[in-house]
Amino acid sequence: MGKEIKGKVIKPPISKVTSGKVFKPSKAFLHKEWTKGIVAAAAIWLGSLLGFVVLAYFLAYVEPVDYPSAALLINTWIGPLNYWMIVLNLIWLIPALIIQPFYVNSIEYSVKAESGETMPEIYVKRGIVTVTRKHVPFRTITNIASNAGPFDRLFGIGSVNIETAGFSGANQTGPEEKLEGIVFYEEVRDFILNELRKFRDPYVTGTEVVLPVDEPVPRGPGLDDEMLITLREIRDLLRNQK
């Protein structure tokens, strides 16, 4: 019988979120996404009407012969424009509101610390049609940050942004992975930081993980390749004992 592997995991302080190895975003995350969709639709509708009003006055100013009255132009076309803007917004908004619960329900997170033969990692699963499962090893993480935007604060949730060595750079516009819609996002951030410090100590300062540099053994007179290999092995053993 194989060796039993036990890992330390985040246990969310929310009864409605699955506790144990895997947890899910809060239901407030779904409410936030619904609100964002409705606000976006309202902004598109209102922006279109205001844009048409501005256009009507502009045409009346630059082409007074063809458009003698901005008010007449607005009264003639504001009704049809309003109708079609509502219809077009509902065409994309209703499917988005219906699909969003299935997408949010598909999201799973797991943060496992180092234990036995289990490698420390962050696990994220999401997707409906295309299901994506991503494992982010602790050894690749370069930065951890928490984020709570206006909509997040409105619903009392936040996210944890994860950057890795292979993803960070000037050409990247955001984190490689995000744990979104979490009520206890600050606790998750602190947990990951603490585990990173244990995993990389003393190479971690702040939120940045600095990889140790493997310094070569200097070659000198009488030192052949076999001796260099032996010295490296002794050095590694001493590091492990520390």
Protein backbone atom coordinates (compact mmCIF):
# COMPACT_ATOMS: atom_id res chain seq x y z
CA MET A 1 0.00 0.00 0.00
CA GLY A 2 1.42 3.33 -1.02
CA LYS A 3 2.42 6.07 1.33
CA GLU A 4 -0.49 8.23 2.38
CA ILE A 5 -0.01 11.85 1.38
CA LYS A 6 -1.55 14.55 3.51
CA GLY A 7 -1.57 18.14 2.43
CA LYS A 8 -2.46 21.32 4.26
CA VAL A 9 -5.28 23.08 2.46
CA ILE A 10 -7.30 26.27 2.69
CA LYS A 11 -10.58 25.71 4.52
CA PRO A 12 -12.90 28.59 3.62
CA PRO A 13 -14.63 30.26 6.60
CA ILE A 14 -17.94 30.13 4.69
CA SER A 15 -20.35 27.24 5.16
CA LYS A 16 -21.77 27.55 1.65
CA VAL A 17 -18.36 27.11 0.04
CA THR A 18 -17.04 23.58 -0.18
CA SER A 19 -14.39 23.03 2.48
CA GLY A 20 -11.37 20.82 2.11
CA LYS A 21 -9.04 20.43 -0.83
CA VAL A 22 -11.28 22.26 -3.31
CA PHE A 23 -13.28 25.45 -2.79
CA LYS A 24 -15.40 27.59 -5.09
CA PRO A 25 -16.04 31.31 -5.54
CA SER A 26 -18.69 32.92 -3.37
CA LYS A 27 -22.23 33.28 -4.73
CA ALA A 28 -21.61 37.01 -4.47
CA PHE A 29 -19.25 36.55 -7.44
CA LEU A 30 -22.24 35.50 -9.59
CA HIS A 31 -24.23 38.51 -8.39
CA LYS A 32 -21.29 40.73 -9.24
CA GLU A 33 -21.07 39.32 -12.79
CA TRP A 34 -24.81 39.78 -13.28
CA THR A 35 -24.56 43.37 -12.06
CA LYS A 36 -21.64 44.10 -14.37
CA GLY A 37 -23.60 42.77 -17.35
CA ILE A 38 -26.68 44.84 -16.53
CA VAL A 39 -24.59 47.97 -15.93
CA ALA A 40 -22.76 47.41 -19.24
CA ALA A 41 -26.06 47.05 -21.11
CA ALA A 42 -27.44 50.19 -19.46
CA ALA A 43 -24.26 52.10 -20.28
CA ILE A 44 -24.45 51.05 -23.95
CA TRP A 45 -28.14 52.03 -24.13
CA LEU A 46 -27.67 55.39 -22.42
CA GLY A 47 -24.48 56.16 -24.34
CA SER A 48 -26.19 55.48 -27.65
CA LEU A 49 -29.10 57.81 -26.84
CA LEU A 50 -26.81 60.59 -25.63
CA GLY A 51 -24.59 60.13 -28.68
CA PHE A 52 -27.60 60.48 -30.97
CA VAL A 53 -28.72 63.67 -29.21
CA VAL A 54 -25.24 65.17 -29.61
CA LEU A 55 -25.19 64.08 -33.26
CA ALA A 56 -28.59 65.72 -33.87
CA TYR A 57 -27.42 69.07 -32.54
CA PHE A 58 -24.17 68.78 -34.47
CA LEU A 59 -26.01 68.13 -37.75
CA ALA A 60 -28.38 71.00 -37.09
CA TYR A 61 -25.38 73.26 -36.55
CA VAL A 62 -23.27 72.24 -39.58
CA GLU A 63 -26.14 71.44 -41.98
CA PRO A 64 -28.97 73.84 -41.09
CA VAL A 65 -30.57 73.48 -44.53
CA ASP A 66 -30.93 69.69 -44.41
CA TYR A 67 -31.50 69.51 -40.63
CA PRO A 68 -33.18 72.76 -39.58
CA SER A 69 -34.26 71.53 -36.14
CA ALA A 70 -32.34 69.27 -33.79
CA ALA A 71 -35.43 68.81 -31.61
CA LEU A 72 -37.47 67.62 -34.60
CA LEU A 73 -34.74 65.15 -35.57
CA ILE A 74 -34.58 63.84 -32.01
CA ASN A 75 -38.36 63.46 -31.69
CA THR A 76 -38.50 61.60 -35.00
CA TRP A 77 -35.75 59.06 -34.38
CA ILE A 78 -35.33 58.74 -30.62
CA GLY A 79 -38.21 56.26 -30.33
CA PRO A 80 -36.99 53.74 -32.97
CA LEU A 81 -33.41 54.10 -31.73
CA ASN A 82 -34.46 53.43 -28.15
CA TYR A 83 -36.45 50.36 -29.22
CA TRP A 84 -33.65 48.80 -31.26
CA MET A 85 -31.00 49.52 -28.65
CA ILE A 86 -33.09 47.70 -26.04
CA VAL A 87 -33.63 44.74 -28.39
CA LEU A 88 -29.95 44.49 -29.32
CA ASN A 89 -28.87 44.70 -25.68
CA LEU A 90 -31.31 41.97 -24.66
CA ILE A 91 -30.01 39.72 -27.45
CA TRP A 92 -26.59 39.44 -25.76
CA LEU A 93 -27.56 40.21 -22.15
CA ILE A 94 -30.14 37.44 -21.62
CA PRO A 95 -27.86 34.60 -22.85
CA ALA A 96 -25.00 36.05 -20.78
CA LEU A 97 -27.14 36.08 -17.62
CA ILE A 98 -28.26 32.50 -18.28
CA ILE A 99 -24.76 31.13 -19.00
CA GLN A 100 -23.01 32.95 -16.16
CA PRO A 101 -24.25 30.66 -13.32
CA PHE A 102 -22.98 27.57 -15.16
CA TYR A 103 -19.59 29.21 -15.71
CA VAL A 104 -19.23 30.35 -12.09
CA ASN A 105 -20.27 26.90 -10.87
CA SER A 106 -17.54 25.32 -13.02
CA ILE A 107 -14.78 27.22 -11.20
CA GLU A 108 -12.75 25.33 -8.61
CA TYR A 109 -9.70 26.40 -6.63
CA SER A 110 -7.19 24.56 -4.50
CA VAL A 111 -4.11 25.77 -2.63
CA LYS A 112 -1.99 22.90 -1.35
CA ALA A 113 1.12 23.35 0.76
CA GLU A 114 4.22 21.19 0.73
CA SER A 115 3.67 17.82 2.42
CA GLY A 116 5.39 14.50 1.83
CA GLU A 117 5.70 13.80 -1.87
CA THR A 118 3.09 16.38 -2.84
CA MET A 119 4.51 19.38 -4.66
CA PRO A 120 3.19 22.76 -3.43
CA GLU A 121 0.86 24.15 -6.07
CA ILE A 122 -2.21 26.24 -6.85
CA TYR A 123 -4.90 24.50 -8.85
CA VAL A 124 -7.56 26.31 -10.92
CA LYS A 125 -10.34 24.75 -12.99
CA ARG A 126 -12.84 26.70 -15.07
CA GLY A 127 -14.84 26.48 -18.27
CA ILE A 128 -18.09 25.09 -19.68
CA VAL A 129 -17.45 24.04 -23.28
CA THR A 130 -13.68 24.08 -22.98
CA VAL A 131 -12.62 23.04 -19.48
CA THR A 132 -9.22 24.36 -18.41
CA ARG A 133 -7.30 22.83 -15.52
CA LYS A 134 -4.14 24.67 -14.54
CA HIS A 135 -1.55 23.70 -11.94
CA VAL A 136 0.76 26.53 -10.86
CA PRO A 137 3.74 25.16 -8.86
CA PHE A 138 4.95 27.31 -5.99
CA ARG A 139 8.47 27.18 -7.40
CA THR A 140 7.37 29.20 -10.46
CA ILE A 141 5.52 31.95 -8.58
CA THR A 142 7.24 35.34 -8.61
CA ASN A 143 4.54 37.59 -7.18
CA ILE A 144 1.26 37.37 -5.24
CA ALA A 145 -1.17 40.29 -4.96
CA SER A 146 -4.76 40.75 -3.83
CA ASN A 147 -7.23 42.95 -5.68
CA ALA A 148 -10.71 44.30 -4.94
CA GLY A 149 -12.31 46.61 -7.49
CA PRO A 150 -15.45 48.75 -7.02
CA PHE A 151 -17.83 45.90 -7.87
CA ASP A 152 -15.82 43.53 -5.66
CA ARG A 153 -16.06 45.85 -2.67
CA LEU A 154 -19.77 46.31 -3.32
CA PHE A 155 -20.30 42.56 -2.87
CA GLY A 156 -17.59 42.01 -0.25
CA ILE A 157 -15.30 39.83 -2.37
CA GLY A 158 -11.88 40.07 -4.00
CA SER A 159 -9.31 38.16 -6.00
CA VAL A 160 -5.74 36.90 -5.67
CA ASN A 161 -3.47 37.54 -8.64
CA ILE A 162 -0.65 35.09 -9.33
CA GLU A 163 2.36 35.87 -11.51
CA THR A 164 5.02 33.36 -12.52
CA ALA A 165 8.55 33.55 -13.82
CA GLY A 166 7.54 32.48 -17.32
CA PHE A 167 4.66 34.94 -17.55
CA SER A 168 5.87 38.16 -15.93
CA GLY A 169 7.24 40.82 -18.21
CA ALA A 170 6.59 44.12 -19.96
CA ASN A 171 4.51 42.46 -22.69
CA GLN A 172 2.04 40.93 -20.22
CA THR A 173 -1.05 42.97 -19.29
CA GLY A 174 -2.25 40.94 -16.32
CA PRO A 175 -1.53 38.04 -13.98
CA GLU A 176 -1.16 34.51 -15.30
CA GLU A 177 -3.86 33.19 -12.99
CA LYS A 178 -6.53 34.67 -10.73
CA LEU A 179 -8.51 33.27 -7.83
CA GLU A 180 -11.65 35.38 -8.28
CA GLY A 181 -14.79 35.93 -6.27
CA ILE A 182 -13.38 34.96 -2.87
CA VAL A 183 -14.69 36.43 0.36
CA PHE A 184 -11.54 35.39 2.24
CA TYR A 185 -9.12 36.53 -0.49
CA GLU A 186 -6.76 38.25 1.95
CA GLU A 187 -6.47 35.05 3.99
CA VAL A 188 -5.68 33.09 0.82
CA ARG A 189 -3.04 35.65 -0.15
CA ASP A 190 -1.42 35.51 3.30
CA PHE A 191 -1.54 31.71 3.31
CA ILE A 192 0.26 31.50 -0.04
CA LEU A 193 2.85 34.04 1.06
CA ASN A 194 3.54 32.15 4.27
CA GLU A 195 3.93 28.87 2.40
CA LEU A 196 6.21 30.52 -0.15
CA ARG A 197 8.43 31.79 2.63
CA LYS A 198 8.63 28.29 4.12
CA PHE A 199 9.31 26.79 0.73
CA ARG A 200 11.95 29.29 -0.35
CA ASP A 201 13.34 30.58 2.93
CA PRO A 202 15.66 32.45 3.09
CA TYR A 203 15.23 33.47 -0.55
CA VAL A 204 11.87 35.20 -0.15
CA THR A 205 11.47 38.81 0.83
CA GLY A 206 8.13 40.58 0.69
CA THR A 207 5.91 39.16 -2.03
CA GLU A 208 8.71 38.44 -4.49
CA VAL A 209 10.28 35.03 -4.77
CA VAL A 210 13.97 35.17 -5.70
CA LEU A 211 15.40 31.98 -7.08
CA PRO A 212 18.72 30.92 -5.53
CA VAL A 213 21.72 31.02 -7.82
CA ASP A 214 23.70 27.82 -8.15
CA GLU A 215 27.24 29.13 -7.78
CA PRO A 216 29.83 27.01 -9.55
CA VAL A 217 32.75 25.51 -7.68
CA PRO A 218 35.89 27.37 -8.79
CA ARG A 219 38.26 25.33 -10.86
CA GLY A 220 41.88 25.45 -9.83
CA PRO A 221 45.11 23.49 -10.13
CA GLY A 222 44.62 19.81 -9.30
CA LEU A 223 40.80 19.96 -9.45
CA ASP A 224 39.42 17.63 -12.11
CA ASP A 225 35.79 17.03 -13.05
CA GLU A 226 35.34 14.14 -10.61
CA MET A 227 36.51 16.25 -7.68
CA LEU A 228 34.20 19.07 -8.70
CA ILE A 229 31.22 16.70 -8.78
CA THR A 230 32.10 15.40 -5.32
CA LEU A 231 32.38 18.90 -3.91
CA ARG A 232 28.99 19.78 -5.36
CA GLU A 233 27.41 16.73 -3.73
CA ILE A 234 28.90 17.63 -0.34
CA ARG A 235 27.66 21.19 -0.68
CA ASP A 236 24.13 20.01 -1.53
CA LEU A 237 24.07 17.66 1.45
CA LEU A 238 25.09 20.48 3.77
CA ARG A 239 22.31 22.69 2.36
CA ASN A 240 19.73 20.00 2.90
CA GLN A 241 20.84 19.48 6.51
CA LYS A 242 20.37 23.20 7.16
